[in-house]
Amino acid sequence: MQTIRDATINDYTEIVQRLPVKLRLAYGVGHVLNDICASMWFTYLLVYFHYVLGFSATLSGVLLLIGQIADAVATPFVGLHSDKNDDFWLCKYGRRKTWHLLGTICVFCTFPFIFSPCIHCENAHQWAQLIYYAAFIIIFQFGWASVQISHLSLVAELTPTEHERTELIAIRYSFTVSSNILVYCTTWALLHITNNDAPDAQIGPGDANKFQTIILCVTGIGLFASLIFHIFVKEGSINNSDGSLRCNTRPISVLLKNIQLYQAACIYMPTRLFVNLSQIYIPLYLHEYLNMPATLLAIIPLTMFISSFVTSLIIERLNTKLGRKISYCIGIFFGLLACIWIRFGNGYTYTNYQIYPVSILLGSAGSIILVTSLGITADFIGQNTDSGAFIYGFMSFTDKLGNGLAVMLIQYLRRFIVSTDYYRNILSYVCAGSAICGLLMILYIKPFPSHTDYSTVNTDGTTENVDTNSSIVFTVNDRIDTFPTRQEHVT
């Protein structure tokens, strides 16, 4: 009888496991505009405001902190309202996709102004310019949060299986890496072409127009990718075989009392801290400590994300074969090795040759631990998809707040620590410390159970509580009695 049961489970897995390729790819490109903007934001914001516009290191950090706080506040707000089934006419387009559309408009209309000189106020006091840029940054971050949360929460609604959720996250991350590669290739090409007369020139005030051109090119591509997402992906829900809708009835107060929510957040936050801080401070490390020319400020991050892209192709298999914990530990090992190498690396050989394997290790580590941590969050959501947006919003809240405060503190301390190895130490110690925190937490927690308690909402509006230890319920005859079926998601 157990053999029959296992065979039935395998048949069930084959039935629900495969989303159409067109849907998977269309879902993957839905976050490209966000990814492009995030790449510019984390990699070049401090460089642009400090070295191009002439802002102090502290004021540059204040602008990044404003953005991170705005994002942190927006994410739970968007998550909470994205989970609601509103009767507003626009929400009939799809509660997730409505927020995605709103966010896309906000991002596309504001981000180019952030990487442009202050219009008619270039010579104003820096604090006055800060207010000007802060207005665009707040709107941009609200839009960015709307796209991020709505896009992530669609994962749990498109498929009920852990394997395929991991695959969707891996595909999403592959496009994230591709977006970063696009940004760095565009940046390198533009800086290389325009710096032919001075190939060793570093970033300076004369590069403002070049950044504007880069932004217009890459955001146009991101807008086209968002259009593909909205055309080919339709919202659906995980239904029972009798047509009733599976949905979560857990109130927010219950979620906030769940210790597993905070455990997942304690993995996600240090993971994002490692990935974001390495992305933010690599250009400053190359500029100040290694004295590299402007073109290499694009080539080294490009190398990081090419390695991330290659690694992302095997992450789903890595998680499936080895599990979340072992996969995460492998990523942490790569990350710590890179941090140690950065700490002791010096000299001509390191600057010209060893920096490339270091960037490969950083890229691979970030790819593995980020996808795995998102998979852990998806495991926590389980079949409770109606609270998915709020949970992702909560994760993003801890991430953005932690990153913003960390960057502000680092930039503030820069005023008092006048040393060329400052950013080297940030990459070595702070990134390594973040990685170790994530490692300790994932080793401490137990895997989230695959079972879920949920309510079945029948077509007549009545509810029926269901408690099961699996997404498959068997009768005494060992046949599948109920299992999730998928609505059509592709036009």
Protein backbone atom coordinates (compact mmCIF):
# COMPACT_ATOMS: atom_id res chain seq x y z
CA MET A 1 0.00 0.00 0.00
CA GLN A 2 2.90 2.36 0.76
CA THR A 3 4.28 1.64 -2.73
CA ILE A 4 0.95 2.61 -4.27
CA ARG A 5 0.92 5.77 -2.16
CA ASP A 6 4.46 6.74 -3.24
CA ALA A 7 3.62 6.09 -6.89
CA THR A 8 0.53 8.25 -6.57
CA ILE A 9 2.56 11.04 -5.02
CA ASN A 10 5.00 10.84 -7.93
CA ASP A 11 2.13 10.97 -10.41
CA TYR A 12 0.72 13.94 -8.55
CA THR A 13 4.07 15.71 -8.63
CA GLU A 14 4.31 15.24 -12.38
CA ILE A 15 0.78 16.63 -12.79
CA VAL A 16 1.28 19.85 -10.87
CA GLN A 17 5.02 20.39 -11.18
CA ARG A 18 5.40 21.72 -14.67
CA LEU A 19 4.38 25.25 -15.47
CA PRO A 20 4.49 26.23 -19.15
CA VAL A 21 7.89 27.48 -20.24
CA LYS A 22 6.31 30.68 -21.56
CA LEU A 23 4.83 31.42 -18.14
CA ARG A 24 8.07 30.71 -16.31
CA LEU A 25 10.06 33.03 -18.58
CA ALA A 26 7.37 35.72 -18.53
CA TYR A 27 7.33 35.58 -14.74
CA GLY A 28 11.13 35.84 -14.66
CA VAL A 29 11.25 39.09 -16.65
CA GLY A 30 8.61 40.72 -14.43
CA HIS A 31 11.27 42.00 -12.03
CA VAL A 32 13.85 43.14 -14.60
CA LEU A 33 13.07 46.87 -14.30
CA ASN A 34 13.45 46.62 -10.53
CA ASP A 35 16.67 44.66 -10.91
CA ILE A 36 18.16 47.23 -13.27
CA CYS A 37 17.31 50.07 -10.90
CA ALA A 38 18.61 48.12 -7.88
CA SER A 39 21.89 47.47 -9.68
CA MET A 40 22.39 51.18 -10.33
CA TRP A 41 21.14 52.08 -6.85
CA PHE A 42 23.41 49.79 -4.84
CA THR A 43 26.47 49.88 -7.08
CA TYR A 44 26.67 53.48 -8.23
CA LEU A 45 24.49 55.69 -5.97
CA LEU A 46 27.29 56.50 -3.50
CA VAL A 47 29.82 56.76 -6.33
CA TYR A 48 27.56 59.10 -8.33
CA PHE A 49 26.63 61.46 -5.50
CA HIS A 50 30.07 61.52 -3.88
CA TYR A 51 32.41 61.60 -6.87
CA VAL A 52 30.21 63.03 -9.65
CA LEU A 53 27.90 65.48 -7.88
CA GLY A 54 30.36 66.28 -5.08
CA PHE A 55 28.15 65.39 -2.10
CA SER A 56 29.94 64.51 1.11
CA ALA A 57 30.19 60.85 2.09
CA THR A 58 27.71 61.43 4.93
CA LEU A 59 25.08 63.16 2.75
CA SER A 60 25.43 60.41 0.16
CA GLY A 61 24.75 57.91 2.91
CA VAL A 62 21.75 59.97 4.09
CA LEU A 63 20.18 59.73 0.63
CA LEU A 64 20.64 55.97 0.55
CA LEU A 65 19.23 55.73 4.10
CA ILE A 66 16.15 57.77 3.09
CA GLY A 67 15.54 55.35 0.25
CA GLN A 68 15.97 52.28 2.43
CA ILE A 69 13.64 53.64 5.13
CA ALA A 70 11.01 54.56 2.53
CA ASP A 71 11.28 51.05 1.09
CA ALA A 72 11.13 49.49 4.55
CA VAL A 73 7.93 51.40 5.40
CA ALA A 74 6.34 50.71 2.01
CA THR A 75 6.91 46.95 1.91
CA PRO A 76 4.59 45.85 4.76
CA PHE A 77 2.01 48.41 3.63
CA VAL A 78 2.06 47.04 0.08
CA GLY A 79 2.10 43.47 1.38
CA LEU A 80 -0.89 44.01 3.64
CA HIS A 81 -3.01 45.66 0.95
CA SER A 82 -1.85 43.34 -1.81
CA ASP A 83 -3.26 40.41 0.19
CA LYS A 84 -6.72 41.99 0.31
CA ASN A 85 -9.43 41.10 -2.18
CA ASP A 86 -10.65 44.65 -2.86
CA ASP A 87 -13.71 45.39 -4.95
CA PHE A 88 -12.02 48.39 -6.57
CA TRP A 89 -12.45 48.09 -10.34
CA LEU A 90 -8.73 48.19 -11.11
CA CYS A 91 -8.07 45.25 -8.76
CA LYS A 92 -10.08 43.02 -11.09
CA TYR A 93 -6.94 43.11 -13.22
CA GLY A 94 -5.36 41.03 -10.44
CA ARG A 95 -4.54 42.07 -6.90
CA ARG A 96 -0.83 41.31 -7.37
CA LYS A 97 -0.56 42.63 -10.91
CA THR A 98 -2.38 45.86 -9.99
CA TRP A 99 0.32 46.71 -7.48
CA HIS A 100 2.97 45.59 -9.95
CA LEU A 101 1.59 47.97 -12.59
CA LEU A 102 1.37 50.87 -10.14
CA GLY A 103 4.93 50.26 -8.98
CA THR A 104 6.28 50.02 -12.53
CA ILE A 105 4.83 53.45 -13.36
CA CYS A 106 6.35 55.00 -10.21
CA VAL A 107 9.78 53.47 -10.85
CA PHE A 108 10.00 54.39 -14.53
CA CYS A 109 8.84 57.99 -13.98
CA THR A 110 11.17 58.83 -11.07
CA PHE A 111 14.40 56.82 -11.29
CA PRO A 112 15.99 58.78 -14.20
CA PHE A 113 15.77 61.98 -12.10
CA ILE A 114 17.84 60.40 -9.31
CA PHE A 115 20.83 59.92 -11.60
CA SER A 116 20.55 63.36 -13.20
CA PRO A 117 21.86 66.74 -12.03
CA CYS A 118 19.35 68.79 -10.04
CA ILE A 119 17.16 70.57 -12.61
CA HIS A 120 17.62 74.38 -12.32
CA CYS A 121 19.28 73.91 -8.93
CA GLU A 122 22.73 72.51 -9.70
CA ASN A 123 24.42 75.31 -7.75
CA ALA A 124 22.04 75.21 -4.77
CA HIS A 125 23.20 74.19 -1.31
CA GLN A 126 23.67 70.43 -0.93
CA TRP A 127 20.92 70.22 1.73
CA ALA A 128 18.47 71.87 -0.67
CA GLN A 129 19.46 69.41 -3.39
CA LEU A 130 19.05 66.59 -0.87
CA ILE A 131 15.37 67.52 -0.41
CA TYR A 132 14.94 67.58 -4.21
CA TYR A 133 16.44 64.10 -4.64
CA ALA A 134 14.68 62.73 -1.55
CA ALA A 135 11.26 63.41 -3.10
CA PHE A 136 12.09 61.32 -6.17
CA ILE A 137 13.75 58.64 -4.05
CA ILE A 138 10.69 58.18 -1.81
CA ILE A 139 8.32 57.76 -4.77
CA PHE A 140 10.80 55.47 -6.50
CA GLN A 141 11.18 53.26 -3.43
CA PHE A 142 7.41 52.99 -2.99
CA GLY A 143 7.16 51.83 -6.61
CA TRP A 144 10.11 49.47 -6.21
CA ALA A 145 8.52 47.88 -3.12
CA SER A 146 5.19 47.49 -4.94
CA VAL A 147 6.83 45.60 -7.79
CA GLN A 148 9.05 43.48 -5.55
CA ILE A 149 6.36 42.32 -3.13
CA SER A 150 3.68 41.67 -5.75
CA HIS A 151 6.15 39.75 -7.92
CA LEU A 152 7.48 37.59 -5.08
CA SER A 153 4.00 36.79 -3.74
CA LEU A 154 3.00 35.42 -7.15
CA VAL A 155 5.43 32.51 -6.68
CA ALA A 156 3.24 30.80 -4.08
CA GLU A 157 0.12 31.40 -6.18
CA LEU A 158 1.48 30.09 -9.47
CA THR A 159 2.44 26.68 -8.10
CA PRO A 160 1.86 24.66 -4.88
CA THR A 161 5.05 22.55 -5.13
CA GLU A 162 8.29 23.38 -3.31
CA HIS A 163 10.42 22.16 -6.23
CA GLU A 164 8.78 24.43 -8.75
CA ARG A 165 8.69 27.41 -6.41
CA THR A 166 12.45 27.09 -6.05
CA GLU A 167 12.73 26.87 -9.82
CA LEU A 168 10.67 30.06 -10.29
CA ILE A 169 12.84 31.88 -7.74
CA ALA A 170 15.98 30.61 -9.51
CA ILE A 171 14.63 31.80 -12.88
CA ARG A 172 13.77 35.15 -11.31
CA TYR A 173 17.30 35.39 -9.93
CA SER A 174 18.77 34.44 -13.32
CA PHE A 175 17.04 37.45 -14.83
CA THR A 176 18.21 39.54 -11.86
CA VAL A 177 21.79 38.59 -12.67
CA SER A 178 21.21 39.16 -16.39
CA SER A 179 19.88 42.63 -15.57
CA ASN A 180 22.99 43.43 -13.57
CA ILE A 181 25.18 42.17 -16.39
CA LEU A 182 23.27 44.45 -18.77
CA VAL A 183 23.87 47.44 -16.50
CA TYR A 184 27.58 46.76 -16.11
CA CYS A 185 28.11 46.04 -19.80
CA THR A 186 26.35 49.29 -20.72
CA THR A 187 28.35 51.22 -18.12
CA TRP A 188 31.63 49.69 -19.22
CA ALA A 189 30.92 50.28 -22.92
CA LEU A 190 29.99 53.92 -22.41
CA LEU A 191 32.88 54.70 -20.07
CA HIS A 192 35.34 52.81 -22.28
CA ILE A 193 34.25 54.57 -25.48
CA THR A 194 34.21 58.05 -23.94
CA ASN A 195 37.50 57.57 -22.04
CA ASN A 196 39.63 56.47 -24.97
CA ASP A 197 41.83 59.54 -24.60
CA ALA A 198 42.41 58.77 -20.90
CA PRO A 199 41.86 55.04 -20.26
CA ASP A 200 43.16 55.31 -16.69
CA ALA A 201 40.81 58.18 -15.75
CA GLN A 202 38.70 57.72 -12.63
CA ILE A 203 35.05 58.66 -12.04
CA GLY A 204 34.54 62.43 -11.75
CA PRO A 205 32.13 65.38 -12.27
CA GLY A 206 32.43 65.11 -16.04
CA ASP A 207 30.64 61.75 -16.04
CA ALA A 208 27.16 63.10 -15.14
CA ASN A 209 25.84 62.97 -18.72
CA LYS A 210 27.20 59.44 -19.14
CA PHE A 211 25.14 58.22 -16.19
CA GLN A 212 22.04 59.85 -17.65
CA THR A 213 22.58 57.99 -20.93
CA ILE A 214 23.09 54.70 -19.10
CA ILE A 215 19.87 55.16 -17.11
CA LEU A 216 17.76 55.95 -20.18
CA CYS A 217 19.09 52.91 -22.07
CA VAL A 218 18.62 50.31 -19.36
CA THR A 219 15.28 51.55 -17.96
CA GLY A 220 13.82 51.43 -21.47
CA ILE A 221 14.73 47.76 -21.66
CA GLY A 222 13.27 47.20 -18.19
CA LEU A 223 9.97 48.78 -19.20
CA PHE A 224 9.75 46.46 -22.22
CA ALA A 225 10.36 43.44 -19.95
CA SER A 226 7.56 44.58 -17.62
CA LEU A 227 5.23 44.81 -20.62
CA ILE A 228 5.97 41.16 -21.48
CA PHE A 229 5.17 40.16 -17.89
CA HIS A 230 1.80 41.90 -17.92
CA ILE A 231 0.84 40.43 -21.30
CA PHE A 232 1.69 36.77 -20.65
CA VAL A 233 1.17 36.24 -16.90
CA LYS A 234 -2.32 36.07 -15.48
CA GLU A 235 -3.07 35.67 -11.82
CA GLY A 236 -4.53 32.39 -10.69
CA SER A 237 -4.97 30.54 -7.46
CA ILE A 238 -4.42 27.07 -6.11
CA ASN A 239 -7.76 25.27 -6.12
CA ASN A 240 -9.05 22.00 -4.83
CA SER A 241 -10.30 19.46 -7.33
CA ASP A 242 -13.92 20.32 -6.53
CA GLY A 243 -13.39 23.93 -7.56
CA SER A 244 -13.18 25.40 -4.06
CA LEU A 245 -10.50 27.97 -3.44
CA ARG A 246 -7.70 27.32 -1.03
CA CYS A 247 -6.86 30.48 0.84
CA ASN A 248 -5.24 31.57 4.05
CA THR A 249 -7.32 32.75 6.95
CA ARG A 250 -4.45 33.55 9.30
CA PRO A 251 -4.84 37.11 10.58
CA ILE A 252 -1.78 39.35 10.76
CA SER A 253 -1.80 39.21 14.55
CA VAL A 254 -1.36 35.43 14.39
CA LEU A 255 1.47 35.72 11.88
CA LEU A 256 3.32 38.24 14.04
CA LYS A 257 3.18 35.81 16.98
CA ASN A 258 4.70 33.00 14.91
CA ILE A 259 8.34 32.50 15.90
CA GLN A 260 9.09 30.97 12.49
CA LEU A 261 8.39 34.33 10.83
CA TYR A 262 11.24 35.90 12.80
CA GLN A 263 13.50 32.93 12.18
CA ALA A 264 13.03 33.29 8.43
CA ALA A 265 13.65 37.05 8.74
CA CYS A 266 16.86 36.42 10.70
CA ILE A 267 18.13 34.39 7.74
CA TYR A 268 16.92 36.76 5.04
CA MET A 269 18.24 40.00 6.59
CA PRO A 270 21.93 39.00 7.00
CA THR A 271 21.76 37.34 3.58
CA ARG A 272 20.63 40.59 1.94
CA LEU A 273 23.15 42.51 4.05
CA PHE A 274 25.98 40.38 2.66
CA VAL A 275 24.77 40.67 -0.94
CA ASN A 276 23.95 44.39 -0.85
CA LEU A 277 27.02 45.57 1.06
CA SER A 278 29.34 43.64 -1.23
CA GLN A 279 27.59 45.24 -4.22
CA ILE A 280 27.67 48.74 -2.72
CA TYR A 281 31.26 48.79 -1.52
CA ILE A 282 33.07 46.88 -4.25
CA PRO A 283 33.21 50.01 -6.49
CA LEU A 284 34.41 52.19 -3.61
CA TYR A 285 36.98 49.56 -2.65
CA LEU A 286 38.25 49.42 -6.23
CA HIS A 287 38.33 53.21 -6.50
CA GLU A 288 39.97 54.11 -3.19
CA TYR A 289 42.03 51.09 -2.13
CA LEU A 290 43.10 49.58 -5.46
CA ASN A 291 43.06 52.89 -7.44
CA MET A 292 41.43 51.25 -10.45
CA PRO A 293 40.22 53.27 -13.48
CA ALA A 294 36.55 53.95 -14.16
CA THR A 295 36.10 51.12 -16.65
CA LEU A 296 37.11 48.50 -14.07
CA LEU A 297 34.38 49.80 -11.76
CA ALA A 298 32.07 48.12 -14.26
CA ILE A 299 34.19 45.09 -15.22
CA ILE A 300 34.67 43.71 -11.69
CA PRO A 301 30.96 43.90 -10.75
CA LEU A 302 30.24 42.42 -14.18
CA THR A 303 32.48 39.47 -13.34
CA MET A 304 30.61 39.02 -10.05
CA PHE A 305 27.25 38.82 -11.76
CA ILE A 306 28.39 36.57 -14.58
CA SER A 307 29.46 34.08 -11.91
CA SER A 308 26.09 34.65 -10.19
CA PHE A 309 24.29 33.87 -13.41
CA VAL A 310 26.23 30.64 -13.98
CA THR A 311 25.63 29.59 -10.37
CA SER A 312 21.91 30.39 -10.57
CA LEU A 313 21.54 27.72 -13.25
CA ILE A 314 22.32 24.97 -10.72
CA ILE A 315 20.79 26.41 -7.53
CA GLU A 316 17.44 24.69 -7.96
CA ARG A 317 19.15 21.30 -8.36
CA LEU A 318 21.48 22.10 -5.46
CA ASN A 319 18.53 22.83 -3.15
CA THR A 320 16.65 19.76 -4.35
CA LYS A 321 19.53 17.31 -3.94
CA LEU A 322 21.28 18.70 -0.85
CA GLY A 323 18.54 20.63 0.92
CA ARG A 324 18.32 24.22 2.10
CA LYS A 325 20.84 24.05 4.93
CA ILE A 326 23.70 22.40 3.05
CA SER A 327 23.17 24.66 0.03
CA TYR A 328 23.26 27.75 2.23
CA CYS A 329 26.41 26.51 3.97
CA ILE A 330 28.15 26.07 0.61
CA GLY A 331 27.29 29.66 -0.31
CA ILE A 332 28.57 30.94 3.05
CA PHE A 333 31.84 29.06 2.58
CA PHE A 334 32.41 30.78 -0.77
CA GLY A 335 31.53 34.16 0.75
CA LEU A 336 33.85 33.82 3.74
CA LEU A 337 36.69 32.68 1.48
CA ALA A 338 36.23 35.82 -0.63
CA CYS A 339 36.19 38.07 2.47
CA ILE A 340 39.41 36.54 3.80
CA TRP A 341 41.05 36.91 0.38
CA ILE A 342 40.05 40.59 0.23
CA ARG A 343 41.49 41.19 3.71
CA PHE A 344 44.93 39.84 2.87
CA GLY A 345 45.05 40.56 -0.87
CA ASN A 346 47.48 43.25 -1.96
CA GLY A 347 50.08 44.10 -4.56
CA TYR A 348 50.33 43.97 -8.33
CA THR A 349 49.34 40.30 -8.71
CA TYR A 350 46.23 40.72 -6.57
CA THR A 351 45.10 43.92 -8.29
CA ASN A 352 45.55 42.63 -11.82
CA TYR A 353 44.75 38.93 -11.50
CA GLN A 354 43.48 37.71 -8.12
CA ILE A 355 40.66 40.24 -7.92
CA TYR A 356 38.79 38.29 -10.60
CA PRO A 357 38.51 34.96 -8.72
CA VAL A 358 37.59 36.98 -5.63
CA SER A 359 34.70 38.60 -7.53
CA ILE A 360 33.65 35.17 -8.84
CA LEU A 361 33.48 33.82 -5.28
CA LEU A 362 31.44 36.82 -4.12
CA GLY A 363 29.00 36.46 -7.00
CA SER A 364 28.53 32.72 -6.53
CA ALA A 365 28.09 33.07 -2.77
CA GLY A 366 25.47 35.80 -3.12
CA SER A 367 23.55 33.81 -5.71
CA ILE A 368 23.39 30.63 -3.63
CA ILE A 369 22.44 32.15 -0.27
CA LEU A 370 19.93 34.65 -1.67
CA VAL A 371 17.93 32.11 -3.69
CA THR A 372 18.06 29.65 -0.80
CA SER A 373 16.84 32.23 1.72
CA LEU A 374 13.95 33.17 -0.58
CA GLY A 375 13.15 29.46 -0.86
CA ILE A 376 13.04 29.24 2.94
CA THR A 377 10.54 32.12 2.99
CA ALA A 378 8.44 30.34 0.36
CA ASP A 379 8.53 27.21 2.55
CA PHE A 380 7.19 29.22 5.46
CA ILE A 381 4.33 30.58 3.33
CA GLY A 382 3.44 27.07 2.18
CA GLN A 383 -0.13 26.96 0.86
CA ASN A 384 -1.10 30.09 2.81
CA THR A 385 -0.75 32.22 -0.30
CA ASP A 386 -3.15 34.94 0.80
CA SER A 387 -0.62 36.13 3.38
CA GLY A 388 2.33 35.75 1.01
CA ALA A 389 2.67 39.43 0.15
CA PHE A 390 2.64 40.50 3.80
CA ILE A 391 5.29 37.91 4.69
CA TYR A 392 7.56 39.01 1.86
CA GLY A 393 6.88 42.61 2.89
CA PHE A 394 7.94 41.83 6.45
CA MET A 395 11.14 40.19 5.19
CA SER A 396 11.88 43.17 2.98
CA PHE A 397 11.18 45.55 5.89
CA THR A 398 13.92 43.94 8.00
CA ASP A 399 16.24 43.83 4.98
CA LYS A 400 15.82 47.48 3.91
CA LEU A 401 15.96 48.88 7.43
CA GLY A 402 19.05 46.84 8.30
CA ASN A 403 20.84 47.76 5.08
CA GLY A 404 19.97 51.45 5.34
CA LEU A 405 21.20 51.75 8.94
CA ALA A 406 24.36 49.78 8.17
CA VAL A 407 25.27 51.95 5.17
CA MET A 408 24.50 55.17 7.07
CA LEU A 409 26.72 54.09 9.97
CA ILE A 410 29.53 53.07 7.59
CA GLN A 411 29.37 56.38 5.72
CA TYR A 412 29.20 58.38 8.97
CA LEU A 413 32.26 56.65 10.42
CA ARG A 414 34.11 57.42 7.19
CA ARG A 415 34.39 61.02 8.41
CA PHE A 416 36.53 59.95 11.35
CA ILE A 417 38.51 57.09 9.79
CA VAL A 418 40.78 58.55 7.12
CA SER A 419 42.38 55.46 5.64
CA THR A 420 42.60 53.98 2.16
CA ASP A 421 41.85 50.50 3.53
CA TYR A 422 38.52 51.56 5.10
CA TYR A 423 36.33 49.99 2.43
CA ARG A 424 38.56 46.92 2.30
CA ASN A 425 37.83 46.36 6.00
CA ILE A 426 34.11 46.87 5.41
CA LEU A 427 34.09 44.11 2.78
CA SER A 428 36.25 41.86 4.94
CA TYR A 429 34.68 42.20 8.38
CA VAL A 430 31.12 43.48 7.94
CA CYS A 431 30.24 41.19 5.04
CA ALA A 432 31.87 38.22 6.77
CA GLY A 433 30.01 39.01 9.99
CA SER A 434 26.70 39.12 8.11
CA ALA A 435 27.43 35.77 6.49
CA ILE A 436 28.25 34.17 9.84
CA CYS A 437 25.01 35.49 11.39
CA GLY A 438 22.97 33.93 8.59
CA LEU A 439 24.89 30.67 8.93
CA LEU A 440 24.30 30.41 12.68
CA MET A 441 20.59 31.05 12.27
CA ILE A 442 20.03 28.49 9.50
CA LEU A 443 21.93 25.87 11.51
CA TYR A 444 19.77 26.66 14.55
CA ILE A 445 16.28 26.49 13.05
CA LYS A 446 14.37 23.38 12.09
CA PRO A 447 13.05 23.01 8.53
CA PHE A 448 9.59 24.50 8.16
CA PRO A 449 6.94 21.75 7.98
CA SER A 450 5.34 21.14 4.62
CA HIS A 451 1.87 20.79 6.15
CA THR A 452 -0.44 23.73 6.56
CA ASP A 453 -3.69 24.55 8.25
CA TYR A 454 -5.98 26.47 6.00
CA SER A 455 -9.62 27.08 5.27
CA THR A 456 -11.34 25.99 2.12
CA VAL A 457 -13.56 28.67 0.64
CA ASN A 458 -16.31 26.98 -1.30
CA THR A 459 -17.98 28.41 -4.36
CA ASP A 460 -21.10 29.21 -2.37
CA GLY A 461 -19.10 31.41 0.03
CA THR A 462 -19.05 28.96 2.96
CA THR A 463 -15.79 27.92 4.58
CA GLU A 464 -14.57 24.54 5.70
CA ASN A 465 -11.52 24.07 7.91
CA VAL A 466 -8.98 21.55 6.66
CA ASP A 467 -6.03 20.22 8.63
CA THR A 468 -3.60 18.08 6.70
CA ASN A 469 0.00 17.03 6.95
CA SER A 470 0.43 17.15 3.23
CA SER A 471 -0.87 18.98 0.21
CA ILE A 472 -2.23 15.56 -0.81
CA VAL A 473 -5.03 13.87 1.15
CA PHE A 474 -5.51 10.13 0.65
CA THR A 475 -8.61 8.05 1.21
CA VAL A 476 -8.55 4.52 2.57
CA ASN A 477 -8.38 3.24 -1.00
CA ASP A 478 -5.07 5.11 -1.51
CA ARG A 479 -6.37 7.31 -4.26
CA ILE A 480 -5.88 11.08 -4.38
CA ASP A 481 -8.97 12.61 -2.87
CA THR A 482 -8.00 16.27 -3.10
CA PHE A 483 -4.95 17.93 -4.54
CA PRO A 484 -4.18 21.37 -5.86
CA THR A 485 -5.03 22.04 -9.46
CA ARG A 486 -3.88 25.01 -11.41
CA GLN A 487 -5.96 27.60 -13.18
CA GLU A 488 -4.70 28.70 -16.57
CA HIS A 489 -2.12 31.44 -16.09
CA VAL A 490 -1.07 32.15 -19.66
CA THR A 491 -2.97 34.11 -22.25
